[in-house]
Amino acid sequence: MSSELLMLRGAEPRKVLQTVVEKNVAAVMSYLSRGRWHVAKVELVDVGAGRFKVALWPRQRPHPVNVQLGQPVGMSIKYNYGKYVFDSSVAALEPARQAHSGGVVVLTIPERIEIVQRRSYFRVNVPDTLMVNAIMWVGSQVLGTEDDSEQKPPDAQSRQGRLADISAGGAQVVVDASCAKDFKRGQLIRLRFTPLPYDRPLMFDALIRNMLPTADGSAACLGLQIVGLEASPEGRSVLQRLCSVVERYYQMSQSGPREQEVEGARAIARLN
């Protein structure tokens, strides 16, 4: 596996976007509205000089996309063997082309587009030799970055769970049944965990997509979708670290318990 983010610059971003229009590939746009992250499935409908247009994906129920002029947004496009991620900004808003459909958002063509290997989005289990605690805050307002990974969101209550698996796009956290009532589907949380002992913490925002009780009823599994990392260079730095964590966990899970301990010790040594 590789955690490298390849980068397209100059004229290539426009070429990528034009291909997406021609192939009718769906994209996901992430944006902040009233202090929380939202995601919308969109289609690219036109690429012009310095700008491109997106509309809500036609096969989903229309809903308002509350963005403002000049607002930054993140874009994620799954194509071929990778996922194209970049940030853009709202240049204009146009009325809907058809009745009962969402309007058109005009975005600036990015200076660069980064590619994440698709296999980084495959879930990998946390190695058996690790117990990775996950701290979650309900009511997070903005994206955590590399610089504030030690800070908790203001005025938010924390809960603790155990990280079960992770990918560049989501995670599963196991929480005790006694605190499962504090979570619900569609809720925005902030999650922080330390991948390996003495490693730097990682923190990001996520939406709870599903909640399932364990077989014995003693715990619940929260299925999380990571949101907002495409929308800024700081967020993509977190995304790159996530890719590295996925790679390390994968390599450790392919070895036996003794090899996992050795790999963990080597990772710690590299940090010292």
C-alpha atoms as a PDB file:
ATOM      1  CA  MET A   1       0.000   0.000   0.000  1.00  0.00           C
ATOM      2  CA  SER A   2       1.114   3.564  -0.560  1.00  0.00           C
ATOM      3  CA  SER A   3       0.070   6.714   1.251  1.00  0.00           C
ATOM      4  CA  GLU A   4       1.560   9.069  -1.310  1.00  0.00           C
ATOM      5  CA  LEU A   5      -0.688  11.840  -2.579  1.00  0.00           C
ATOM      6  CA  LEU A   6       0.047  12.526  -6.232  1.00  0.00           C
ATOM      7  CA  MET A   7      -0.495  16.077  -7.400  1.00  0.00           C
ATOM      8  CA  LEU A   8      -1.782  17.594 -10.637  1.00  0.00           C
ATOM      9  CA  ARG A   9      -0.942  21.217 -11.364  1.00  0.00           C
ATOM     10  CA  GLY A  10      -1.349  23.825 -14.066  1.00  0.00           C
ATOM     11  CA  ALA A  11      -3.516  22.862 -17.034  1.00  0.00           C
ATOM     12  CA  GLU A  12      -4.063  19.310 -15.791  1.00  0.00           C
ATOM     13  CA  PRO A  13      -6.797  20.143 -13.235  1.00  0.00           C
ATOM     14  CA  ARG A  14      -8.974  21.551 -16.019  1.00  0.00           C
ATOM     15  CA  LYS A  15      -8.367  18.412 -18.070  1.00  0.00           C
ATOM     16  CA  VAL A  16      -9.398  16.230 -15.124  1.00  0.00           C
ATOM     17  CA  LEU A  17     -12.600  18.220 -14.597  1.00  0.00           C
ATOM     18  CA  GLN A  18     -13.456  18.052 -18.304  1.00  0.00           C
ATOM     19  CA  THR A  19     -13.064  14.267 -18.222  1.00  0.00           C
ATOM     20  CA  VAL A  20     -15.380  14.076 -15.209  1.00  0.00           C
ATOM     21  CA  VAL A  21     -18.030  16.032 -17.166  1.00  0.00           C
ATOM     22  CA  GLU A  22     -17.673  13.808 -20.223  1.00  0.00           C
ATOM     23  CA  LYS A  23     -17.793  10.555 -18.216  1.00  0.00           C
ATOM     24  CA  ASN A  24     -20.693  11.794 -16.042  1.00  0.00           C
ATOM     25  CA  VAL A  25     -18.852  10.866 -12.841  1.00  0.00           C
ATOM     26  CA  ALA A  26     -20.476  11.793  -9.523  1.00  0.00           C
ATOM     27  CA  ALA A  27     -18.635  14.054  -7.089  1.00  0.00           C
ATOM     28  CA  VAL A  28     -19.105  14.892  -3.422  1.00  0.00           C
ATOM     29  CA  MET A  29     -18.990  18.518  -2.302  1.00  0.00           C
ATOM     30  CA  SER A  30     -18.354  19.279   1.376  1.00  0.00           C
ATOM     31  CA  TYR A  31     -19.070  22.698   2.833  1.00  0.00           C
ATOM     32  CA  LEU A  32     -19.678  24.500   6.108  1.00  0.00           C
ATOM     33  CA  SER A  33     -23.097  25.942   6.837  1.00  0.00           C
ATOM     34  CA  ARG A  34     -24.099  27.407  10.204  1.00  0.00           C
ATOM     35  CA  GLY A  35     -21.001  26.022  11.853  1.00  0.00           C
ATOM     36  CA  ARG A  36     -21.286  22.394  10.763  1.00  0.00           C
ATOM     37  CA  TRP A  37     -20.167  20.281   7.828  1.00  0.00           C
ATOM     38  CA  HIS A  38     -22.562  19.142   5.105  1.00  0.00           C
ATOM     39  CA  VAL A  39     -21.971  16.873   2.124  1.00  0.00           C
ATOM     40  CA  ALA A  40     -23.871  16.868  -1.168  1.00  0.00           C
ATOM     41  CA  LYS A  41     -23.630  14.497  -4.103  1.00  0.00           C
ATOM     42  CA  VAL A  42     -23.212  16.604  -7.245  1.00  0.00           C
ATOM     43  CA  GLU A  43     -22.495  16.339 -10.955  1.00  0.00           C
ATOM     44  CA  LEU A  44     -20.160  18.563 -12.929  1.00  0.00           C
ATOM     45  CA  VAL A  45     -22.189  20.104 -15.757  1.00  0.00           C
ATOM     46  CA  ASP A  46     -19.746  22.492 -17.429  1.00  0.00           C
ATOM     47  CA  VAL A  47     -16.080  23.532 -17.428  1.00  0.00           C
ATOM     48  CA  GLY A  48     -15.145  26.992 -18.667  1.00  0.00           C
ATOM     49  CA  ALA A  49     -12.254  29.429 -18.470  1.00  0.00           C
ATOM     50  CA  GLY A  50     -11.204  29.389 -14.829  1.00  0.00           C
ATOM     51  CA  ARG A  51     -14.564  28.097 -13.587  1.00  0.00           C
ATOM     52  CA  PHE A  52     -16.704  24.972 -13.514  1.00  0.00           C
ATOM     53  CA  LYS A  53     -20.318  24.349 -12.588  1.00  0.00           C
ATOM     54  CA  VAL A  54     -21.897  21.716 -10.382  1.00  0.00           C
ATOM     55  CA  ALA A  55     -25.522  20.768  -9.781  1.00  0.00           C
ATOM     56  CA  LEU A  56     -27.149  18.306  -7.420  1.00  0.00           C
ATOM     57  CA  TRP A  57     -26.923  14.716  -8.641  1.00  0.00           C
ATOM     58  CA  PRO A  58     -30.133  14.239 -10.688  1.00  0.00           C
ATOM     59  CA  ARG A  59     -31.102  10.895  -9.143  1.00  0.00           C
ATOM     60  CA  GLN A  60     -31.427  12.195  -5.604  1.00  0.00           C
ATOM     61  CA  ARG A  61     -34.117  14.241  -3.921  1.00  0.00           C
ATOM     62  CA  PRO A  62     -33.467  17.991  -4.336  1.00  0.00           C
ATOM     63  CA  HIS A  63     -32.444  19.899  -1.240  1.00  0.00           C
ATOM     64  CA  PRO A  64     -30.947  23.372  -0.717  1.00  0.00           C
ATOM     65  CA  VAL A  65     -27.183  23.796  -0.754  1.00  0.00           C
ATOM     66  CA  ASN A  66     -26.524  26.704   1.577  1.00  0.00           C
ATOM     67  CA  VAL A  67     -23.298  28.225   0.287  1.00  0.00           C
ATOM     68  CA  GLN A  68     -22.285  31.854  -0.042  1.00  0.00           C
ATOM     69  CA  LEU A  69     -20.196  33.753  -2.591  1.00  0.00           C
ATOM     70  CA  GLY A  70     -16.488  33.363  -1.874  1.00  0.00           C
ATOM     71  CA  GLN A  71     -17.049  30.423   0.478  1.00  0.00           C
ATOM     72  CA  PRO A  72     -14.488  27.596   0.313  1.00  0.00           C
ATOM     73  CA  VAL A  73     -15.738  24.089  -0.453  1.00  0.00           C
ATOM     74  CA  GLY A  74     -14.079  20.705  -0.727  1.00  0.00           C
ATOM     75  CA  MET A  75     -14.500  18.347  -3.667  1.00  0.00           C
ATOM     76  CA  SER A  76     -13.945  14.597  -3.844  1.00  0.00           C
ATOM     77  CA  ILE A  77     -14.257  12.601  -7.079  1.00  0.00           C
ATOM     78  CA  LYS A  78     -13.857   8.825  -7.237  1.00  0.00           C
ATOM     79  CA  TYR A  79     -12.436   7.862 -10.626  1.00  0.00           C
ATOM     80  CA  ASN A  80     -10.308   4.990 -11.945  1.00  0.00           C
ATOM     81  CA  TYR A  81      -7.898   3.808  -9.246  1.00  0.00           C
ATOM     82  CA  GLY A  82      -7.939   6.880  -7.056  1.00  0.00           C
ATOM     83  CA  LYS A  83      -9.935   9.660  -5.494  1.00  0.00           C
ATOM     84  CA  TYR A  84      -9.339  13.218  -6.684  1.00  0.00           C
ATOM     85  CA  VAL A  85      -9.519  15.771  -3.850  1.00  0.00           C
ATOM     86  CA  PHE A  86      -9.163  19.544  -3.937  1.00  0.00           C
ATOM     87  CA  ASP A  87     -10.582  22.743  -2.523  1.00  0.00           C
ATOM     88  CA  SER A  88     -12.323  25.476  -4.482  1.00  0.00           C
ATOM     89  CA  SER A  89     -14.434  28.550  -3.769  1.00  0.00           C
ATOM     90  CA  VAL A  90     -17.909  29.697  -4.793  1.00  0.00           C
ATOM     91  CA  ALA A  91     -17.678  32.169  -7.667  1.00  0.00           C
ATOM     92  CA  ALA A  92     -21.390  32.500  -8.481  1.00  0.00           C
ATOM     93  CA  LEU A  93     -24.832  30.983  -7.918  1.00  0.00           C
ATOM     94  CA  GLU A  94     -27.255  30.288 -10.760  1.00  0.00           C
ATOM     95  CA  PRO A  95     -30.942  29.306 -10.688  1.00  0.00           C
ATOM     96  CA  ALA A  96     -32.037  25.724 -11.246  1.00  0.00           C
ATOM     97  CA  ARG A  97     -32.091  24.508 -14.823  1.00  0.00           C
ATOM     98  CA  GLN A  98     -35.270  22.524 -14.247  1.00  0.00           C
ATOM     99  CA  ALA A  99     -38.206  22.860 -11.898  1.00  0.00           C
ATOM    100  CA  HIS A 100     -37.993  20.859  -8.650  1.00  0.00           C
ATOM    101  CA  SER A 101     -34.194  20.648  -8.847  1.00  0.00           C
ATOM    102  CA  GLY A 102     -31.413  22.395  -6.962  1.00  0.00           C
ATOM    103  CA  GLY A 103     -29.592  25.407  -8.320  1.00  0.00           C
ATOM    104  CA  VAL A 104     -26.182  25.502  -9.999  1.00  0.00           C
ATOM    105  CA  VAL A 105     -23.044  26.422  -8.059  1.00  0.00           C
ATOM    106  CA  VAL A 106     -20.189  27.999 -10.024  1.00  0.00           C
ATOM    107  CA  LEU A 107     -16.751  27.159  -8.588  1.00  0.00           C
ATOM    108  CA  THR A 108     -13.217  28.284  -9.372  1.00  0.00           C
ATOM    109  CA  ILE A 109     -10.924  25.763 -11.054  1.00  0.00           C
ATOM    110  CA  PRO A 110      -8.292  24.742  -8.489  1.00  0.00           C
ATOM    111  CA  GLU A 111      -4.606  25.386  -8.983  1.00  0.00           C
ATOM    112  CA  ARG A 112      -3.904  21.776  -8.076  1.00  0.00           C
ATOM    113  CA  ILE A 113      -5.694  18.482  -7.597  1.00  0.00           C
ATOM    114  CA  GLU A 114      -4.364  15.712  -5.380  1.00  0.00           C
ATOM    115  CA  ILE A 115      -4.980  12.003  -5.904  1.00  0.00           C
ATOM    116  CA  VAL A 116      -5.387   9.584  -3.014  1.00  0.00           C
ATOM    117  CA  GLN A 117      -4.915   5.916  -3.842  1.00  0.00           C
ATOM    118  CA  ARG A 118      -8.331   4.270  -3.688  1.00  0.00           C
ATOM    119  CA  ARG A 119      -7.046   1.430  -1.536  1.00  0.00           C
ATOM    120  CA  SER A 120      -6.459   3.974   1.241  1.00  0.00           C
ATOM    121  CA  TYR A 121     -10.262   4.108   1.468  1.00  0.00           C
ATOM    122  CA  PHE A 122     -10.542   0.389   2.252  1.00  0.00           C
ATOM    123  CA  ARG A 123     -11.160  -0.175   5.955  1.00  0.00           C
ATOM    124  CA  VAL A 124      -8.371  -1.858   7.914  1.00  0.00           C
ATOM    125  CA  ASN A 125      -8.805  -3.247  11.420  1.00  0.00           C
ATOM    126  CA  VAL A 126      -6.770  -1.845  14.272  1.00  0.00           C
ATOM    127  CA  PRO A 127      -4.049  -4.475  14.970  1.00  0.00           C
ATOM    128  CA  ASP A 128      -4.873  -6.869  17.795  1.00  0.00           C
ATOM    129  CA  THR A 129      -1.846  -5.757  19.801  1.00  0.00           C
ATOM    130  CA  LEU A 130      -3.063  -2.140  19.967  1.00  0.00           C
ATOM    131  CA  MET A 131      -5.772  -0.605  22.132  1.00  0.00           C
ATOM    132  CA  VAL A 132      -6.514   2.716  20.471  1.00  0.00           C
ATOM    133  CA  ASN A 133      -8.722   4.987  22.560  1.00  0.00           C
ATOM    134  CA  ALA A 134     -10.931   7.425  20.647  1.00  0.00           C
ATOM    135  CA  ILE A 135     -12.208  10.618  22.245  1.00  0.00           C
ATOM    136  CA  MET A 136     -15.346  12.089  20.695  1.00  0.00           C
ATOM    137  CA  TRP A 137     -16.931  15.482  21.207  1.00  0.00           C
ATOM    138  CA  VAL A 138     -20.525  16.179  20.288  1.00  0.00           C
ATOM    139  CA  GLY A 139     -21.289  19.579  18.826  1.00  0.00           C
ATOM    140  CA  SER A 140     -17.983  20.289  17.058  1.00  0.00           C
ATOM    141  CA  GLN A 141     -18.070  23.403  14.923  1.00  0.00           C
ATOM    142  CA  VAL A 142     -14.970  23.519  12.760  1.00  0.00           C
ATOM    143  CA  LEU A 143     -12.382  21.171  11.332  1.00  0.00           C
ATOM    144  CA  GLY A 144      -9.459  20.133  13.508  1.00  0.00           C
ATOM    145  CA  THR A 145      -6.032  20.689  11.918  1.00  0.00           C
ATOM    146  CA  GLU A 146      -2.475  19.618  12.550  1.00  0.00           C
ATOM    147  CA  ASP A 147      -1.890  22.777  14.595  1.00  0.00           C
ATOM    148  CA  ASP A 148      -4.789  22.365  17.008  1.00  0.00           C
ATOM    149  CA  SER A 149      -4.750  18.580  17.441  1.00  0.00           C
ATOM    150  CA  GLU A 150      -4.279  19.050  21.186  1.00  0.00           C
ATOM    151  CA  GLN A 151      -7.294  21.313  21.569  1.00  0.00           C
ATOM    152  CA  LYS A 152     -10.852  20.204  22.220  1.00  0.00           C
ATOM    153  CA  PRO A 153     -13.864  21.954  20.715  1.00  0.00           C
ATOM    154  CA  PRO A 154     -15.311  24.670  22.959  1.00  0.00           C
ATOM    155  CA  ASP A 155     -18.488  23.925  24.922  1.00  0.00           C
ATOM    156  CA  ALA A 156     -18.673  20.284  23.835  1.00  0.00           C
ATOM    157  CA  GLN A 157     -19.064  17.151  25.931  1.00  0.00           C
ATOM    158  CA  SER A 158     -16.588  14.325  25.433  1.00  0.00           C
ATOM    159  CA  ARG A 159     -17.171  10.585  25.308  1.00  0.00           C
ATOM    160  CA  GLN A 160     -14.622   7.806  24.977  1.00  0.00           C
ATOM    161  CA  GLY A 161     -14.629   4.684  22.844  1.00  0.00           C
ATOM    162  CA  ARG A 162     -12.271   2.256  21.135  1.00  0.00           C
ATOM    163  CA  LEU A 163     -11.196   2.572  17.510  1.00  0.00           C
ATOM    164  CA  ALA A 164     -12.060  -0.682  15.699  1.00  0.00           C
ATOM    165  CA  ASP A 165     -11.140   0.138  12.106  1.00  0.00           C
ATOM    166  CA  ILE A 166     -10.076   3.109  10.007  1.00  0.00           C
ATOM    167  CA  SER A 167      -9.749   4.279   6.421  1.00  0.00           C
ATOM    168  CA  ALA A 168      -9.110   7.590   4.691  1.00  0.00           C
ATOM    169  CA  GLY A 169     -12.868   8.075   4.449  1.00  0.00           C
ATOM    170  CA  GLY A 170     -14.340   6.658   7.618  1.00  0.00           C
ATOM    171  CA  ALA A 171     -13.928   4.764  10.862  1.00  0.00           C
ATOM    172  CA  GLN A 172     -15.743   2.492  13.271  1.00  0.00           C
ATOM    173  CA  VAL A 173     -15.692   3.233  16.992  1.00  0.00           C
ATOM    174  CA  VAL A 174     -17.008   0.952  19.719  1.00  0.00           C
ATOM    175  CA  VAL A 175     -18.658   2.703  22.679  1.00  0.00           C
ATOM    176  CA  ASP A 176     -20.106   1.314  25.888  1.00  0.00           C
ATOM    177  CA  ALA A 177     -23.860   0.726  25.799  1.00  0.00           C
ATOM    178  CA  SER A 178     -24.285   3.142  28.716  1.00  0.00           C
ATOM    179  CA  CYS A 179     -23.211   6.129  26.591  1.00  0.00           C
ATOM    180  CA  ALA A 180     -24.656   4.989  23.258  1.00  0.00           C
ATOM    181  CA  LYS A 181     -27.766   7.078  23.987  1.00  0.00           C
ATOM    182  CA  ASP A 182     -25.615  10.215  23.609  1.00  0.00           C
ATOM    183  CA  PHE A 183     -25.173   9.525  19.896  1.00  0.00           C
ATOM    184  CA  LYS A 184     -27.590   9.408  16.983  1.00  0.00           C
ATOM    185  CA  ARG A 185     -27.471   8.941  13.216  1.00  0.00           C
ATOM    186  CA  GLY A 186     -26.646  12.087  11.276  1.00  0.00           C
ATOM    187  CA  GLN A 187     -24.912  13.680  14.264  1.00  0.00           C
ATOM    188  CA  LEU A 188     -21.683  15.606  13.746  1.00  0.00           C
ATOM    189  CA  ILE A 189     -18.852  14.743  16.116  1.00  0.00           C
ATOM    190  CA  ARG A 190     -15.160  15.478  16.434  1.00  0.00           C
ATOM    191  CA  LEU A 191     -12.895  12.484  16.934  1.00  0.00           C
ATOM    192  CA  ARG A 192      -9.329  12.332  18.197  1.00  0.00           C
ATOM    193  CA  PHE A 193      -7.095   9.295  18.534  1.00  0.00           C
ATOM    194  CA  THR A 194      -3.394   8.494  18.795  1.00  0.00           C
ATOM    195  CA  PRO A 195      -2.520   5.896  16.132  1.00  0.00           C
ATOM    196  CA  LEU A 196       0.524   4.455  17.964  1.00  0.00           C
ATOM    197  CA  PRO A 197       1.931   5.074  21.448  1.00  0.00           C
ATOM    198  CA  TYR A 198       3.764   8.438  21.590  1.00  0.00           C
ATOM    199  CA  ASP A 199       2.533   9.318  18.092  1.00  0.00           C
ATOM    200  CA  ARG A 200       0.948  12.706  17.442  1.00  0.00           C
ATOM    201  CA  PRO A 201      -2.850  12.676  17.827  1.00  0.00           C
ATOM    202  CA  LEU A 202      -5.068  12.883  14.769  1.00  0.00           C
ATOM    203  CA  MET A 203      -8.298  14.869  14.935  1.00  0.00           C
ATOM    204  CA  PHE A 204     -11.092  15.416  12.425  1.00  0.00           C
ATOM    205  CA  ASP A 205     -14.847  15.892  12.094  1.00  0.00           C
ATOM    206  CA  ALA A 206     -17.160  13.017  11.176  1.00  0.00           C
ATOM    207  CA  LEU A 207     -20.830  12.237  10.665  1.00  0.00           C
ATOM    208  CA  ILE A 208     -22.433   9.229  12.349  1.00  0.00           C
ATOM    209  CA  ARG A 209     -23.861   7.164   9.492  1.00  0.00           C
ATOM    210  CA  ASN A 210     -25.047   4.123  11.433  1.00  0.00           C
ATOM    211  CA  MET A 211     -25.222   2.641  14.924  1.00  0.00           C
ATOM    212  CA  LEU A 212     -25.373  -1.097  15.589  1.00  0.00           C
ATOM    213  CA  PRO A 213     -25.408  -2.921  18.934  1.00  0.00           C
ATOM    214  CA  THR A 214     -22.874  -5.685  19.527  1.00  0.00           C
ATOM    215  CA  ALA A 215     -24.128  -9.269  19.736  1.00  0.00           C
ATOM    216  CA  ASP A 216     -24.066  -9.308  23.541  1.00  0.00           C
ATOM    217  CA  GLY A 217     -25.638  -5.857  23.851  1.00  0.00           C
ATOM    218  CA  SER A 218     -22.804  -4.512  25.991  1.00  0.00           C
ATOM    219  CA  ALA A 219     -21.604  -1.956  23.411  1.00  0.00           C
ATOM    220  CA  ALA A 220     -22.527  -0.168  20.206  1.00  0.00           C
ATOM    221  CA  CYS A 221     -20.548   0.329  16.994  1.00  0.00           C
ATOM    222  CA  LEU A 222     -20.614   3.808  15.465  1.00  0.00           C
ATOM    223  CA  GLY A 223     -20.012   3.921  11.720  1.00  0.00           C
ATOM    224  CA  LEU A 224     -18.425   7.288  10.891  1.00  0.00           C
ATOM    225  CA  GLN A 225     -17.939   9.221   7.665  1.00  0.00           C
ATOM    226  CA  ILE A 226     -15.012  11.633   7.805  1.00  0.00           C
ATOM    227  CA  VAL A 227     -15.979  15.045   6.397  1.00  0.00           C
ATOM    228  CA  GLY A 228     -14.313  18.313   5.474  1.00  0.00           C
ATOM    229  CA  LEU A 229     -10.704  17.224   4.909  1.00  0.00           C
ATOM    230  CA  GLU A 230     -10.777  18.090   1.195  1.00  0.00           C
ATOM    231  CA  ALA A 231     -11.718  21.705   1.887  1.00  0.00           C
ATOM    232  CA  SER A 232      -8.326  23.078   3.001  1.00  0.00           C
ATOM    233  CA  PRO A 233      -4.582  22.381   2.775  1.00  0.00           C
ATOM    234  CA  GLU A 234      -4.573  21.714   6.537  1.00  0.00           C
ATOM    235  CA  GLY A 235      -7.347  19.176   6.145  1.00  0.00           C
ATOM    236  CA  ARG A 236      -5.511  17.406   3.331  1.00  0.00           C
ATOM    237  CA  SER A 237      -2.454  17.226   5.589  1.00  0.00           C
ATOM    238  CA  VAL A 238      -4.641  15.318   8.072  1.00  0.00           C
ATOM    239  CA  LEU A 239      -5.860  13.157   5.175  1.00  0.00           C
ATOM    240  CA  GLN A 240      -2.288  12.311   4.229  1.00  0.00           C
ATOM    241  CA  ARG A 241      -1.549  11.250   7.807  1.00  0.00           C
ATOM    242  CA  LEU A 242      -4.685   9.109   7.781  1.00  0.00           C
ATOM    243  CA  CYS A 243      -3.424   7.356   4.658  1.00  0.00           C
ATOM    244  CA  SER A 244      -0.142   6.626   6.445  1.00  0.00           C
ATOM    245  CA  VAL A 245      -2.012   5.210   9.444  1.00  0.00           C
ATOM    246  CA  VAL A 246      -4.068   2.945   7.169  1.00  0.00           C
ATOM    247  CA  GLU A 247      -0.859   1.698   5.568  1.00  0.00           C
ATOM    248  CA  ARG A 248       0.862   1.024   8.910  1.00  0.00           C
ATOM    249  CA  TYR A 249      -2.152  -0.788  10.361  1.00  0.00           C
ATOM    250  CA  TYR A 250      -2.437  -2.881   7.203  1.00  0.00           C
ATOM    251  CA  GLN A 251       1.225  -3.895   7.334  1.00  0.00           C
ATOM    252  CA  MET A 252       0.967  -4.737  11.024  1.00  0.00           C
ATOM    253  CA  SER A 253      -2.186  -6.814  10.511  1.00  0.00           C
ATOM    254  CA  GLN A 254      -0.414  -8.919   7.890  1.00  0.00           C
ATOM    255  CA  SER A 255       2.131 -10.076  10.455  1.00  0.00           C
ATOM    256  CA  GLY A 256       1.869 -12.111  13.648  1.00  0.00           C
ATOM    257  CA  PRO A 257       1.566 -10.700  17.195  1.00  0.00           C
ATOM    258  CA  ARG A 258       5.325 -10.711  17.764  1.00  0.00           C
ATOM    259  CA  GLU A 259       5.980  -8.897  14.485  1.00  0.00           C
ATOM    260  CA  GLN A 260       3.255  -6.390  15.355  1.00  0.00           C
ATOM    261  CA  GLU A 261       4.999  -5.575  18.628  1.00  0.00           C
ATOM    262  CA  VAL A 262       8.313  -5.129  16.806  1.00  0.00           C
ATOM    263  CA  GLU A 263       6.706  -2.878  14.201  1.00  0.00           C
ATOM    264  CA  GLY A 264       5.104  -0.798  16.964  1.00  0.00           C
ATOM    265  CA  ALA A 265       8.457  -0.450  18.718  1.00  0.00           C
ATOM    266  CA  ARG A 266      10.112   0.639  15.467  1.00  0.00           C
ATOM    267  CA  ALA A 267       7.406   3.243  14.875  1.00  0.00           C
ATOM    268  CA  ILE A 268       7.965   4.628  18.369  1.00  0.00           C
ATOM    269  CA  ALA A 269      11.748   4.667  17.833  1.00  0.00           C
ATOM    270  CA  ARG A 270      11.313   6.688  14.641  1.00  0.00           C
ATOM    271  CA  LEU A 271       9.469   9.331  16.620  1.00  0.00           C
ATOM    272  CA  ASN A 272      12.179   9.697  19.269  1.00  0.00           C
END
